[in-house]
Amino acid sequence: MLGLEATFQPAADIRDFTLKTYSKVDRQTRRRLGLWLLADAEIACSMNHNQIMREVVENGLNVF
């Protein structure tokens, strides 16, 4: 077919969030810019995307 290989990655779980997790979120800048504060689920989604992109860069994967 397309020659693509899929892998599954564990997702961030908001039930496992700690103060360290929240310390990575820049809420003050979002407030200053007039942006909505992110919900926990949005933070988890962002963390998941960042982890995948980090793996792409570290492993030199060609995504294009």
N, C-alpha and C. Protein backbone atom coordinates (compact mmCIF):
# COMPACT_ATOMS: atom_id res chain seq x y z
N MET A 1 0.82 -1.17 0.00
CA MET A 1 0.00 0.00 0.00
C MET A 1 0.88 1.26 0.00
N LEU A 2 0.93 1.95 1.14
CA LEU A 2 1.68 3.19 1.22
C LEU A 2 3.10 2.99 1.77
N GLY A 3 3.38 1.82 2.30
CA GLY A 3 4.70 1.56 2.86
C GLY A 3 4.93 2.26 4.19
N LEU A 4 3.87 2.53 4.91
CA LEU A 4 3.99 3.21 6.20
C LEU A 4 3.97 2.19 7.33
N GLU A 5 4.74 2.50 8.36
CA GLU A 5 4.76 1.64 9.54
C GLU A 5 4.21 2.43 10.72
N ALA A 6 3.25 1.87 11.40
CA ALA A 6 2.63 2.56 12.54
C ALA A 6 3.17 1.98 13.85
N THR A 7 3.35 2.85 14.81
CA THR A 7 3.69 2.42 16.16
C THR A 7 2.76 3.13 17.13
N PHE A 8 2.51 2.49 18.24
CA PHE A 8 1.67 3.08 19.28
C PHE A 8 2.57 3.60 20.39
N GLN A 9 2.25 4.77 20.87
CA GLN A 9 3.01 5.40 21.94
C GLN A 9 2.11 5.56 23.16
N PRO A 10 2.68 5.36 24.36
CA PRO A 10 1.87 5.60 25.55
C PRO A 10 1.53 7.08 25.67
N ALA A 11 0.33 7.37 26.06
CA ALA A 11 -0.12 8.76 26.16
C ALA A 11 0.04 9.26 27.59
N ALA A 12 0.21 10.58 27.71
CA ALA A 12 0.23 11.19 29.04
C ALA A 12 -1.16 11.05 29.64
N ASP A 13 -1.21 10.74 30.91
CA ASP A 13 -2.48 10.56 31.61
C ASP A 13 -2.62 11.68 32.64
N ILE A 14 -3.68 12.45 32.53
CA ILE A 14 -3.83 13.60 33.43
C ILE A 14 -3.95 13.17 34.88
N ARG A 15 -4.29 11.93 35.12
CA ARG A 15 -4.37 11.44 36.50
C ARG A 15 -2.99 11.31 37.13
N ASP A 16 -1.95 11.29 36.28
CA ASP A 16 -0.58 11.17 36.78
C ASP A 16 0.12 12.52 36.88
N PHE A 17 -0.57 13.61 36.59
CA PHE A 17 0.05 14.93 36.64
C PHE A 17 0.50 15.26 38.06
N THR A 18 1.64 15.93 38.15
CA THR A 18 2.19 16.37 39.42
C THR A 18 2.46 17.87 39.33
N LEU A 19 2.94 18.46 40.40
CA LEU A 19 3.32 19.87 40.36
C LEU A 19 4.42 20.09 39.33
N LYS A 20 5.29 19.10 39.15
CA LYS A 20 6.36 19.21 38.15
C LYS A 20 5.76 19.30 36.75
N THR A 21 4.71 18.55 36.49
CA THR A 21 4.03 18.60 35.19
C THR A 21 3.51 20.01 34.94
N TYR A 22 2.82 20.56 35.92
CA TYR A 22 2.23 21.89 35.76
C TYR A 22 3.29 22.98 35.69
N SER A 23 4.47 22.73 36.26
CA SER A 23 5.53 23.75 36.22
C SER A 23 6.05 23.96 34.80
N LYS A 24 5.77 23.02 33.90
CA LYS A 24 6.21 23.13 32.50
C LYS A 24 5.25 23.96 31.66
N VAL A 25 4.11 24.35 32.24
CA VAL A 25 3.09 25.11 31.52
C VAL A 25 3.23 26.59 31.90
N ASP A 26 3.41 27.43 30.92
CA ASP A 26 3.61 28.87 31.15
C ASP A 26 2.25 29.58 31.17
N ARG A 27 1.58 29.50 32.28
CA ARG A 27 0.24 30.08 32.40
C ARG A 27 0.29 31.61 32.43
N GLN A 28 1.34 32.18 33.03
CA GLN A 28 1.45 33.64 33.10
C GLN A 28 1.51 34.26 31.71
N THR A 29 2.28 33.67 30.81
CA THR A 29 2.39 34.21 29.45
C THR A 29 1.05 34.09 28.73
N ARG A 30 0.37 32.97 28.91
CA ARG A 30 -0.94 32.80 28.26
C ARG A 30 -1.91 33.88 28.76
N ARG A 31 -1.90 34.15 30.06
CA ARG A 31 -2.77 35.21 30.60
C ARG A 31 -2.39 36.56 30.02
N ARG A 32 -1.08 36.85 30.00
CA ARG A 32 -0.60 38.15 29.52
C ARG A 32 -1.00 38.37 28.06
N LEU A 33 -0.98 37.31 27.27
CA LEU A 33 -1.33 37.42 25.85
C LEU A 33 -2.83 37.35 25.62
N GLY A 34 -3.60 37.16 26.69
CA GLY A 34 -5.05 37.09 26.55
C GLY A 34 -5.53 35.76 25.99
N LEU A 35 -4.72 34.72 26.14
CA LEU A 35 -5.10 33.39 25.63
C LEU A 35 -5.82 32.60 26.72
N TRP A 36 -6.65 31.68 26.28
CA TRP A 36 -7.33 30.80 27.22
C TRP A 36 -6.30 29.95 27.94
N LEU A 37 -6.56 29.66 29.21
CA LEU A 37 -5.72 28.70 29.91
C LEU A 37 -6.03 27.32 29.37
N LEU A 38 -5.04 26.48 29.32
CA LEU A 38 -5.23 25.14 28.77
C LEU A 38 -5.86 24.21 29.81
N ALA A 39 -6.77 23.40 29.35
CA ALA A 39 -7.34 22.35 30.21
C ALA A 39 -6.31 21.24 30.36
N ASP A 40 -6.47 20.43 31.40
CA ASP A 40 -5.53 19.33 31.62
C ASP A 40 -5.42 18.41 30.40
N ALA A 41 -6.54 18.13 29.76
CA ALA A 41 -6.52 17.26 28.58
C ALA A 41 -5.71 17.88 27.44
N GLU A 42 -5.79 19.21 27.30
CA GLU A 42 -5.01 19.90 26.26
C GLU A 42 -3.52 19.86 26.59
N ILE A 43 -3.19 19.99 27.85
CA ILE A 43 -1.79 19.88 28.27
C ILE A 43 -1.26 18.49 27.95
N ALA A 44 -2.04 17.46 28.28
CA ALA A 44 -1.64 16.08 28.01
C ALA A 44 -1.45 15.86 26.51
N CYS A 45 -2.35 16.38 25.70
CA CYS A 45 -2.26 16.23 24.25
C CYS A 45 -0.98 16.88 23.73
N SER A 46 -0.71 18.08 24.22
CA SER A 46 0.51 18.79 23.81
C SER A 46 1.75 18.01 24.21
N MET A 47 1.75 17.46 25.42
CA MET A 47 2.89 16.67 25.88
C MET A 47 3.10 15.45 24.98
N ASN A 48 2.00 14.82 24.56
CA ASN A 48 2.10 13.66 23.69
C ASN A 48 2.70 14.04 22.33
N HIS A 49 2.24 15.13 21.76
CA HIS A 49 2.77 15.58 20.47
C HIS A 49 4.25 15.92 20.59
N ASN A 50 4.62 16.61 21.67
CA ASN A 50 6.03 16.96 21.87
C ASN A 50 6.90 15.72 21.99
N GLN A 51 6.42 14.70 22.70
CA GLN A 51 7.19 13.47 22.85
C GLN A 51 7.39 12.79 21.50
N ILE A 52 6.36 12.72 20.69
CA ILE A 52 6.47 12.09 19.37
C ILE A 52 7.48 12.85 18.51
N MET A 53 7.39 14.18 18.48
CA MET A 53 8.31 14.97 17.67
C MET A 53 9.74 14.85 18.18
N ARG A 54 9.92 14.75 19.49
CA ARG A 54 11.26 14.54 20.07
C ARG A 54 11.84 13.22 19.56
N GLU A 55 11.02 12.17 19.54
CA GLU A 55 11.48 10.87 19.04
C GLU A 55 11.81 10.92 17.56
N VAL A 56 11.03 11.66 16.79
CA VAL A 56 11.31 11.82 15.36
C VAL A 56 12.69 12.45 15.16
N VAL A 57 12.96 13.52 15.90
CA VAL A 57 14.24 14.22 15.77
C VAL A 57 15.39 13.35 16.26
N GLU A 58 15.25 12.75 17.44
CA GLU A 58 16.32 11.95 18.02
C GLU A 58 16.67 10.74 17.15
N ASN A 59 15.67 10.16 16.49
CA ASN A 59 15.91 8.96 15.69
C ASN A 59 16.11 9.26 14.21
N GLY A 60 16.09 10.55 13.86
CA GLY A 60 16.31 10.91 12.46
C GLY A 60 15.28 10.34 11.51
N LEU A 61 14.03 10.25 11.98
CA LEU A 61 12.98 9.70 11.12
C LEU A 61 12.55 10.68 10.06
N ASN A 62 12.29 10.18 8.88
CA ASN A 62 11.83 11.01 7.77
C ASN A 62 10.32 10.99 7.77
N VAL A 63 9.70 12.11 8.09
CA VAL A 63 8.24 12.18 8.17
C VAL A 63 7.62 12.83 6.95
N PHE A 64 8.44 13.22 6.01
CA PHE A 64 7.92 13.88 4.82
C PHE A 64 8.18 13.06 3.58
